[in-house]
Amino acid sequence: MSPRPSRIKFKKAENTLEIAFDDGAEFSIPAELLRVESPSAEVQGHGMGQKKIVSGRRHVSIMEIEPVGNYAIRLIFDDLHDTGIFSWSYLYELGKEKVQKWSEYITALEEAGLSRDP
């Protein structure tokens, strides 16, 4: 069975989601990374190789965190993106691979001539 969160807290001052899991793992994930890696079809597309590069989200923040059953949360961002359902396993993966995902995001922006700034 996958690890489940024992604590989820949005730290507004740092603009990060802090999440602790029942296996002892703890992650601090920036709102910007959560937004650009949203599991929504709007970001990920509907199939392999369809992921979209989301730019201009340096200052994006989380307005609300809503539980979805016993398996996920829905994050509502202040840019009004609200369609991503973040499962516990996806949040765990994002936390674990944060450095790699961030690097891939920055590289993709640079290659597309885009910016983190709005």
C-alpha atoms as a PDB file:
ATOM      1  CA  MET A   1       0.000   0.000   0.000  1.00  0.00           C
ATOM      2  CA  SER A   2       1.233   3.475  -0.894  1.00  0.00           C
ATOM      3  CA  PRO A   3       2.191   5.943   1.826  1.00  0.00           C
ATOM      4  CA  ARG A   4      -0.624   8.187   3.000  1.00  0.00           C
ATOM      5  CA  PRO A   5      -0.290  11.764   4.255  1.00  0.00           C
ATOM      6  CA  SER A   6      -0.241  12.304   7.984  1.00  0.00           C
ATOM      7  CA  ARG A   7      -0.099  16.115   7.608  1.00  0.00           C
ATOM      8  CA  ILE A   8      -0.780  18.570   4.784  1.00  0.00           C
ATOM      9  CA  LYS A   9      -0.227  22.288   5.306  1.00  0.00           C
ATOM     10  CA  PHE A  10       0.122  25.225   2.949  1.00  0.00           C
ATOM     11  CA  LYS A  11       2.760  27.676   4.148  1.00  0.00           C
ATOM     12  CA  LYS A  12       1.672  30.958   2.612  1.00  0.00           C
ATOM     13  CA  ALA A  13       4.833  32.909   3.504  1.00  0.00           C
ATOM     14  CA  GLU A  14       7.028  30.352   1.690  1.00  0.00           C
ATOM     15  CA  ASN A  15       4.343  29.567  -0.912  1.00  0.00           C
ATOM     16  CA  THR A  16       4.910  25.846  -0.399  1.00  0.00           C
ATOM     17  CA  LEU A  17       2.799  22.815   0.382  1.00  0.00           C
ATOM     18  CA  GLU A  18       4.290  20.857   3.251  1.00  0.00           C
ATOM     19  CA  ILE A  19       3.270  17.252   3.314  1.00  0.00           C
ATOM     20  CA  ALA A  20       4.315  14.495   5.716  1.00  0.00           C
ATOM     21  CA  PHE A  21       3.613  10.843   4.988  1.00  0.00           C
ATOM     22  CA  ASP A  22       3.006   7.930   7.332  1.00  0.00           C
ATOM     23  CA  ASP A  23       6.277   6.289   6.225  1.00  0.00           C
ATOM     24  CA  GLY A  24       8.235   9.240   7.668  1.00  0.00           C
ATOM     25  CA  ALA A  25       8.885  11.039   4.362  1.00  0.00           C
ATOM     26  CA  GLU A  26       8.341  14.816   4.432  1.00  0.00           C
ATOM     27  CA  PHE A  27       8.308  17.137   1.443  1.00  0.00           C
ATOM     28  CA  SER A  28       8.027  20.864   0.854  1.00  0.00           C
ATOM     29  CA  ILE A  29       6.754  21.451  -2.683  1.00  0.00           C
ATOM     30  CA  PRO A  30       6.563  24.971  -4.181  1.00  0.00           C
ATOM     31  CA  ALA A  31       3.118  26.064  -5.405  1.00  0.00           C
ATOM     32  CA  GLU A  32       4.671  26.927  -8.766  1.00  0.00           C
ATOM     33  CA  LEU A  33       5.894  23.356  -9.267  1.00  0.00           C
ATOM     34  CA  LEU A  34       2.527  21.935  -8.202  1.00  0.00           C
ATOM     35  CA  ARG A  35       0.808  24.215 -10.724  1.00  0.00           C
ATOM     36  CA  VAL A  36       3.068  23.438 -13.684  1.00  0.00           C
ATOM     37  CA  GLU A  37       3.035  19.694 -12.891  1.00  0.00           C
ATOM     38  CA  SER A  38      -0.716  19.565 -12.256  1.00  0.00           C
ATOM     39  CA  PRO A  39      -2.082  16.127 -13.126  1.00  0.00           C
ATOM     40  CA  SER A  40      -4.951  17.779 -15.039  1.00  0.00           C
ATOM     41  CA  ALA A  41      -5.574  17.064 -18.716  1.00  0.00           C
ATOM     42  CA  GLU A  42      -5.116  20.815 -19.296  1.00  0.00           C
ATOM     43  CA  VAL A  43      -1.429  20.416 -18.365  1.00  0.00           C
ATOM     44  CA  GLN A  44      -0.670  16.738 -19.016  1.00  0.00           C
ATOM     45  CA  GLY A  45      -2.766  16.380 -22.172  1.00  0.00           C
ATOM     46  CA  HIS A  46      -4.779  13.292 -22.970  1.00  0.00           C
ATOM     47  CA  GLY A  47      -1.952  10.950 -23.917  1.00  0.00           C
ATOM     48  CA  MET A  48       1.771  10.364 -23.995  1.00  0.00           C
ATOM     49  CA  GLY A  49       3.851  13.277 -25.254  1.00  0.00           C
ATOM     50  CA  GLN A  50       1.053  15.834 -24.938  1.00  0.00           C
ATOM     51  CA  LYS A  51       2.280  17.616 -21.804  1.00  0.00           C
ATOM     52  CA  LYS A  52       2.073  21.387 -22.107  1.00  0.00           C
ATOM     53  CA  ILE A  53       4.714  23.805 -20.854  1.00  0.00           C
ATOM     54  CA  VAL A  54       3.064  26.208 -18.420  1.00  0.00           C
ATOM     55  CA  SER A  55       4.882  29.535 -18.223  1.00  0.00           C
ATOM     56  CA  GLY A  56       4.449  32.715 -16.210  1.00  0.00           C
ATOM     57  CA  ARG A  57       3.618  31.040 -12.900  1.00  0.00           C
ATOM     58  CA  ARG A  58       6.463  32.304 -10.681  1.00  0.00           C
ATOM     59  CA  HIS A  59       4.017  33.982  -8.281  1.00  0.00           C
ATOM     60  CA  VAL A  60       1.127  31.497  -8.404  1.00  0.00           C
ATOM     61  CA  SER A  61      -0.290  30.545  -5.031  1.00  0.00           C
ATOM     62  CA  ILE A  62      -2.772  28.059  -3.616  1.00  0.00           C
ATOM     63  CA  MET A  63      -6.122  29.500  -2.539  1.00  0.00           C
ATOM     64  CA  GLU A  64      -7.805  26.296  -1.356  1.00  0.00           C
ATOM     65  CA  ILE A  65      -7.096  22.650  -0.648  1.00  0.00           C
ATOM     66  CA  GLU A  66     -10.099  20.341  -0.968  1.00  0.00           C
ATOM     67  CA  PRO A  67     -10.131  16.662   0.005  1.00  0.00           C
ATOM     68  CA  VAL A  68     -11.137  14.219  -2.727  1.00  0.00           C
ATOM     69  CA  GLY A  69     -12.328  11.010  -1.120  1.00  0.00           C
ATOM     70  CA  ASN A  70      -9.614   9.233   0.846  1.00  0.00           C
ATOM     71  CA  TYR A  71      -7.084   9.264  -1.952  1.00  0.00           C
ATOM     72  CA  ALA A  72      -6.315  12.818  -3.080  1.00  0.00           C
ATOM     73  CA  ILE A  73      -6.662  16.580  -2.800  1.00  0.00           C
ATOM     74  CA  ARG A  74      -7.754  19.169  -5.314  1.00  0.00           C
ATOM     75  CA  LEU A  75      -5.677  22.333  -5.300  1.00  0.00           C
ATOM     76  CA  ILE A  76      -7.292  25.590  -6.341  1.00  0.00           C
ATOM     77  CA  PHE A  77      -4.676  28.055  -7.528  1.00  0.00           C
ATOM     78  CA  ASP A  78      -5.036  31.823  -7.634  1.00  0.00           C
ATOM     79  CA  ASP A  79      -4.762  31.732 -11.448  1.00  0.00           C
ATOM     80  CA  LEU A  80      -8.095  29.834 -11.166  1.00  0.00           C
ATOM     81  CA  HIS A  81      -6.648  26.490 -12.278  1.00  0.00           C
ATOM     82  CA  ASP A  82      -8.644  23.920 -10.305  1.00  0.00           C
ATOM     83  CA  THR A  83      -8.933  20.749 -12.372  1.00  0.00           C
ATOM     84  CA  GLY A  84      -5.951  18.768 -11.081  1.00  0.00           C
ATOM     85  CA  ILE A  85      -6.623  15.941  -8.640  1.00  0.00           C
ATOM     86  CA  PHE A  86      -3.384  15.290  -6.749  1.00  0.00           C
ATOM     87  CA  SER A  87      -3.392  11.678  -5.535  1.00  0.00           C
ATOM     88  CA  TRP A  88      -1.285  10.716  -2.537  1.00  0.00           C
ATOM     89  CA  SER A  89       1.045   8.715  -4.788  1.00  0.00           C
ATOM     90  CA  TYR A  90       1.436  11.648  -7.216  1.00  0.00           C
ATOM     91  CA  LEU A  91       2.240  14.065  -4.373  1.00  0.00           C
ATOM     92  CA  TYR A  92       4.757  11.566  -3.010  1.00  0.00           C
ATOM     93  CA  GLU A  93       6.367  11.230  -6.438  1.00  0.00           C
ATOM     94  CA  LEU A  94       6.500  15.027  -6.904  1.00  0.00           C
ATOM     95  CA  GLY A  95       8.086  15.450  -3.482  1.00  0.00           C
ATOM     96  CA  LYS A  96      10.626  12.718  -4.082  1.00  0.00           C
ATOM     97  CA  GLU A  97      11.508  13.952  -7.584  1.00  0.00           C
ATOM     98  CA  LYS A  98      11.204  17.697  -6.855  1.00  0.00           C
ATOM     99  CA  VAL A  99      14.782  18.624  -7.843  1.00  0.00           C
ATOM    100  CA  GLN A 100      14.615  16.660 -11.103  1.00  0.00           C
ATOM    101  CA  LYS A 101      11.108  17.952 -11.967  1.00  0.00           C
ATOM    102  CA  TRP A 102      12.181  21.553 -11.250  1.00  0.00           C
ATOM    103  CA  SER A 103      15.238  21.180 -13.485  1.00  0.00           C
ATOM    104  CA  GLU A 104      13.127  19.699 -16.301  1.00  0.00           C
ATOM    105  CA  TYR A 105      10.639  22.574 -15.951  1.00  0.00           C
ATOM    106  CA  ILE A 106      13.343  25.266 -16.145  1.00  0.00           C
ATOM    107  CA  THR A 107      14.987  23.535 -19.129  1.00  0.00           C
ATOM    108  CA  ALA A 108      11.646  23.218 -20.962  1.00  0.00           C
ATOM    109  CA  LEU A 109      10.920  26.927 -20.406  1.00  0.00           C
ATOM    110  CA  GLU A 110      14.362  27.910 -21.680  1.00  0.00           C
ATOM    111  CA  GLU A 111      14.135  25.669 -24.753  1.00  0.00           C
ATOM    112  CA  ALA A 112      10.719  27.170 -25.605  1.00  0.00           C
ATOM    113  CA  GLY A 113      11.916  30.742 -25.025  1.00  0.00           C
ATOM    114  CA  LEU A 114       9.426  31.147 -22.173  1.00  0.00           C
ATOM    115  CA  SER A 115       9.732  32.620 -18.680  1.00  0.00           C
ATOM    116  CA  ARG A 116       8.588  31.891 -15.148  1.00  0.00           C
ATOM    117  CA  ASP A 117       7.469  35.536 -14.962  1.00  0.00           C
ATOM    118  CA  PRO A 118       3.937  36.514 -15.971  1.00  0.00           C
END
